[in-house]
Structure formats: structure tokens, C-alpha cells
Amino acid sequence: MTQTQDHARDKAEQSPDLSQWQTETREVRWAMPGQWNFEALAAMDGLGQLQAIEQGLMPPPPVMATVDMCGFHAERGSVTVRMYAQSFHYNPLGGVHGGMIATLLDTAAGCSVHSTLAVGEGYTSLDLSTKFLRPVTTESGLLTCVGKVISRGRRTALAEAQLTDETGRVLAHATSSCMIFS
């Protein structure tokens, strides 16, 4: 499916008049969820599910296309996601919006917990505590966010994620508590 920023649902709300400003357009394309074989998915452990996405055997979740993540790598207990800081991520102050940064941190931390799930287990995030350490701009280049499981119990897990810029400087850090369920 293809969707532009002027989605039909938004037509009911008046878009601001941008005719006096230089603008850019971005098209977002993603695979509609639910097209893969649920029986095969349910037979995989969490790491297998993430590696199926990484290997192109299963489509990535739409959020990856929405924010334009460009890299994903999963190992047991650790997940790395990458994204170039781009102008469409900006807030009114001229930096990458904290929500974009939190999305990367949440993805890396949550998916690191996902990578530890046994067949039949699921999880959900309970919280995300984020610390923004440095401004993030397009000059930050390729952002790399590495999530790691700190502790994994039977019912809960604690993970952390660290976001770095292209030169390796730490830009943000987060911890996330997750609930494990069967």
C-alpha cells in the first residue's frame, strides 16, 4: 500500500497552507500486516521471527517504513536498528523530534526482549525511561541504536538501548521494562 502525508482521512481536517514555504514530499510504502503465514510465525521463537524479518522472509512492521529505518539486525538478547536523521524527523526547534529518538530506543530495547521469547511467548512494554544526552540533527548522520537485555525472568524483562551518531558519540539512552506472557 502507498500512502502520502495527505492521507484521505486527513482531508476532513484542513491542512495548513504551505504555498509560501519550500516543501518536500515523501511517499511511504509498507506491507500490510497479516499477510504472512501465522502458523509458521507461531512455530518460531522470538529470535526466529526477528531473523525472518531481517532476511526478508517476513515483511518488516509498518513503523520501520514510517520512520524510515534502514537497518535491522537481531541476535539472542540484542537488537540493532539504524536510521539516518532526516529533515522530516525534525521538531520546530530544528532537531530530530524526541519521539523519533524514543521510537528507535523502544524498538531496540523491546526487540532485544523479543529475541529471547520461546515459542508461544509474547511480551509487551511496561515503560520506557529515556535520557536525551545530545542534540540529534541531519549532521548526526547514520544513527545506530543497540538494545540489550539486562535481565530476563519468567514474567518480566529489563532491557536498555543506546543511540549513537555516525562518529560513535552517545546521543540518548533508555531502559525498558517488559512483561512476558504465554
Protein backbone atom coordinates (compact mmCIF):
# COMPACT_ATOMS: atom_id res chain seq x y z
CA MET A 1 0.00 0.00 0.00
CA THR A 2 1.20 3.51 -0.69
CA GLN A 3 0.31 6.49 1.44
CA THR A 4 1.36 10.12 1.25
CA GLN A 5 1.36 12.70 4.02
CA ASP A 6 -2.02 13.94 2.67
CA HIS A 7 -3.89 10.74 3.52
CA ALA A 8 -7.56 10.72 2.51
CA ARG A 9 -8.62 10.50 6.17
CA ASP A 10 -6.86 13.82 6.80
CA LYS A 11 -8.82 15.55 4.04
CA ALA A 12 -11.61 16.25 6.54
CA GLU A 13 -9.15 18.35 8.56
CA GLN A 14 -7.77 21.39 6.82
CA SER A 15 -4.06 21.10 6.10
CA PRO A 16 -2.06 24.24 6.70
CA ASP A 17 -1.43 26.38 3.63
CA LEU A 18 2.21 25.67 2.77
CA SER A 19 2.22 27.57 -0.52
CA GLN A 20 4.54 30.25 0.85
CA TRP A 21 7.14 27.71 2.01
CA GLN A 22 9.62 25.45 0.28
CA THR A 23 8.30 21.93 0.75
CA GLU A 24 9.30 18.32 0.23
CA THR A 25 7.15 15.28 -0.39
CA ARG A 26 7.74 11.81 0.94
CA GLU A 27 5.99 8.63 -0.11
CA VAL A 28 5.79 5.77 2.38
CA ARG A 29 5.29 2.17 1.24
CA TRP A 30 4.80 -0.80 3.54
CA ALA A 31 3.48 -4.34 3.51
CA MET A 32 0.05 -4.59 5.07
CA PRO A 33 0.20 -6.60 8.31
CA GLY A 34 -1.39 -10.03 8.38
CA GLN A 35 -0.18 -11.35 5.02
CA TRP A 36 2.30 -13.87 6.36
CA ASN A 37 1.61 -17.42 7.47
CA PHE A 38 0.50 -17.16 11.12
CA GLU A 39 1.03 -20.88 11.74
CA ALA A 40 4.64 -20.63 10.62
CA LEU A 41 5.10 -17.46 12.69
CA ALA A 42 3.63 -19.11 15.80
CA ALA A 43 6.00 -22.07 15.38
CA MET A 44 9.07 -19.78 15.62
CA ASP A 45 10.73 -18.46 18.73
CA GLY A 46 11.22 -14.70 19.06
CA LEU A 47 14.69 -14.69 17.55
CA GLY A 48 13.46 -16.72 14.58
CA GLN A 49 10.65 -14.23 13.99
CA LEU A 50 13.06 -11.26 14.05
CA GLN A 51 15.55 -13.04 11.80
CA ALA A 52 12.74 -13.81 9.34
CA ILE A 53 12.16 -10.03 9.09
CA GLU A 54 15.90 -9.39 8.76
CA GLN A 55 16.21 -11.97 5.97
CA GLY A 56 13.16 -10.70 4.07
CA LEU A 57 11.11 -13.87 4.71
CA MET A 58 8.55 -11.80 6.57
CA PRO A 59 7.76 -8.11 5.96
CA PRO A 60 9.04 -5.57 8.47
CA PRO A 61 6.46 -3.85 10.66
CA PRO A 62 4.98 -0.67 9.12
CA VAL A 63 6.62 1.56 11.75
CA MET A 64 10.02 0.81 10.19
CA ALA A 65 8.83 2.33 6.89
CA THR A 66 7.06 5.20 8.62
CA VAL A 67 10.23 6.48 10.31
CA ASP A 68 12.50 5.18 7.52
CA MET A 69 14.67 2.74 9.48
CA CYS A 70 17.33 1.41 7.15
CA GLY A 71 18.97 -1.38 9.09
CA PHE A 72 17.94 -4.16 11.45
CA HIS A 73 19.99 -6.97 12.99
CA ALA A 74 18.90 -9.45 15.67
CA GLU A 75 20.88 -11.77 17.92
CA ARG A 76 19.65 -13.52 21.04
CA GLY A 77 19.36 -10.80 23.68
CA SER A 78 20.43 -7.91 21.42
CA VAL A 79 18.96 -5.99 18.51
CA THR A 80 20.47 -3.18 16.43
CA VAL A 81 18.38 -0.74 14.38
CA ARG A 82 19.68 2.06 12.14
CA MET A 83 18.19 5.21 10.70
CA TYR A 84 19.55 8.32 9.01
CA ALA A 85 18.50 11.52 10.79
CA GLN A 86 16.41 13.36 8.17
CA SER A 87 14.59 16.67 7.97
CA PHE A 88 11.15 15.04 8.14
CA HIS A 89 12.09 13.82 11.65
CA TYR A 90 12.53 17.42 12.83
CA ASN A 91 10.65 19.25 15.56
CA PRO A 92 10.02 23.05 15.38
CA LEU A 93 13.36 23.74 17.09
CA GLY A 94 15.44 22.26 14.26
CA GLY A 95 16.39 18.89 15.70
CA VAL A 96 15.14 15.33 15.49
CA HIS A 97 11.92 15.05 17.49
CA GLY A 98 12.29 13.21 20.79
CA GLY A 99 9.50 10.86 19.76
CA MET A 100 11.60 9.63 16.83
CA ILE A 101 14.54 9.05 19.15
CA ALA A 102 12.28 7.27 21.64
CA THR A 103 10.89 5.11 18.81
CA LEU A 104 14.40 3.90 17.96
CA LEU A 105 15.23 3.26 21.62
CA ASP A 106 11.92 1.45 22.23
CA THR A 107 12.36 -0.67 19.10
CA ALA A 108 15.89 -1.76 20.01
CA ALA A 109 15.10 -2.43 23.69
CA GLY A 110 11.76 -4.14 23.04
CA CYS A 111 13.05 -6.27 20.18
CA SER A 112 16.02 -7.37 22.29
CA VAL A 113 13.46 -8.82 24.73
CA HIS A 114 11.50 -10.26 21.76
CA SER A 115 14.68 -12.10 20.71
CA THR A 116 14.59 -14.11 23.97
CA LEU A 117 11.00 -15.35 23.65
CA ALA A 118 10.29 -19.06 23.46
CA VAL A 119 7.72 -20.47 21.06
CA GLY A 120 4.29 -19.40 22.33
CA GLU A 121 5.53 -16.50 24.44
CA GLY A 122 4.70 -12.84 23.87
CA TYR A 123 5.61 -9.58 25.54
CA THR A 124 4.54 -6.00 25.94
CA SER A 125 6.44 -2.94 27.08
CA LEU A 126 5.52 -1.66 30.53
CA ASP A 127 7.60 1.51 30.45
CA LEU A 128 10.38 3.35 28.68
CA SER A 129 12.66 5.72 30.57
CA THR A 130 14.58 7.89 28.12
CA LYS A 131 17.52 10.25 28.58
CA PHE A 132 18.35 12.65 25.74
CA LEU A 133 22.06 13.46 26.03
CA ARG A 134 22.93 15.43 22.88
CA PRO A 135 21.00 17.13 20.08
CA VAL A 136 20.31 14.98 17.04
CA THR A 137 20.28 16.66 13.62
CA THR A 138 20.83 15.66 10.00
CA GLU A 139 24.55 16.27 10.67
CA SER A 140 24.41 13.31 13.09
CA GLY A 141 24.30 11.07 10.00
CA LEU A 142 23.58 7.38 10.40
CA LEU A 143 22.09 6.71 13.83
CA THR A 144 22.74 3.31 15.38
CA CYS A 145 20.64 2.07 18.27
CA VAL A 146 21.69 -1.09 20.11
CA GLY A 147 19.32 -2.75 22.55
CA LYS A 148 20.40 -5.39 25.06
CA VAL A 149 18.59 -7.47 27.64
CA ILE A 150 19.90 -6.73 31.12
CA SER A 151 17.73 -9.25 32.98
CA ARG A 152 15.17 -11.80 31.77
CA GLY A 153 12.90 -13.57 34.21
CA ARG A 154 9.87 -15.77 33.76
CA ARG A 155 7.37 -12.85 33.83
CA THR A 156 9.42 -9.67 33.31
CA ALA A 157 12.49 -8.48 31.47
CA LEU A 158 14.62 -5.35 31.71
CA ALA A 159 16.40 -4.04 28.63
CA GLU A 160 18.45 -0.99 27.72
CA ALA A 161 19.19 0.77 24.46
CA GLN A 162 21.86 3.26 23.45
CA LEU A 163 21.70 5.58 20.45
CA THR A 164 24.91 6.79 18.82
CA ASP A 165 25.68 9.04 15.88
CA GLU A 166 27.86 8.25 12.89
CA THR A 167 31.04 9.07 14.86
CA GLY A 168 30.05 6.85 17.80
CA ARG A 169 29.01 9.64 20.22
CA VAL A 170 26.21 8.63 22.58
CA LEU A 171 23.10 10.72 21.88
CA ALA A 172 20.45 9.04 24.03
CA HIS A 173 19.93 6.14 26.40
CA ALA A 174 16.83 4.28 27.60
CA THR A 175 15.73 1.43 29.83
CA SER A 176 12.56 -0.54 29.30
CA SER A 177 10.62 -2.97 31.48
CA CYS A 178 8.64 -5.61 29.64
CA MET A 179 6.03 -8.13 30.73
CA ILE A 180 6.37 -11.68 29.37
CA PHE A 181 3.20 -13.71 28.82
CA SER A 182 2.24 -17.11 27.39
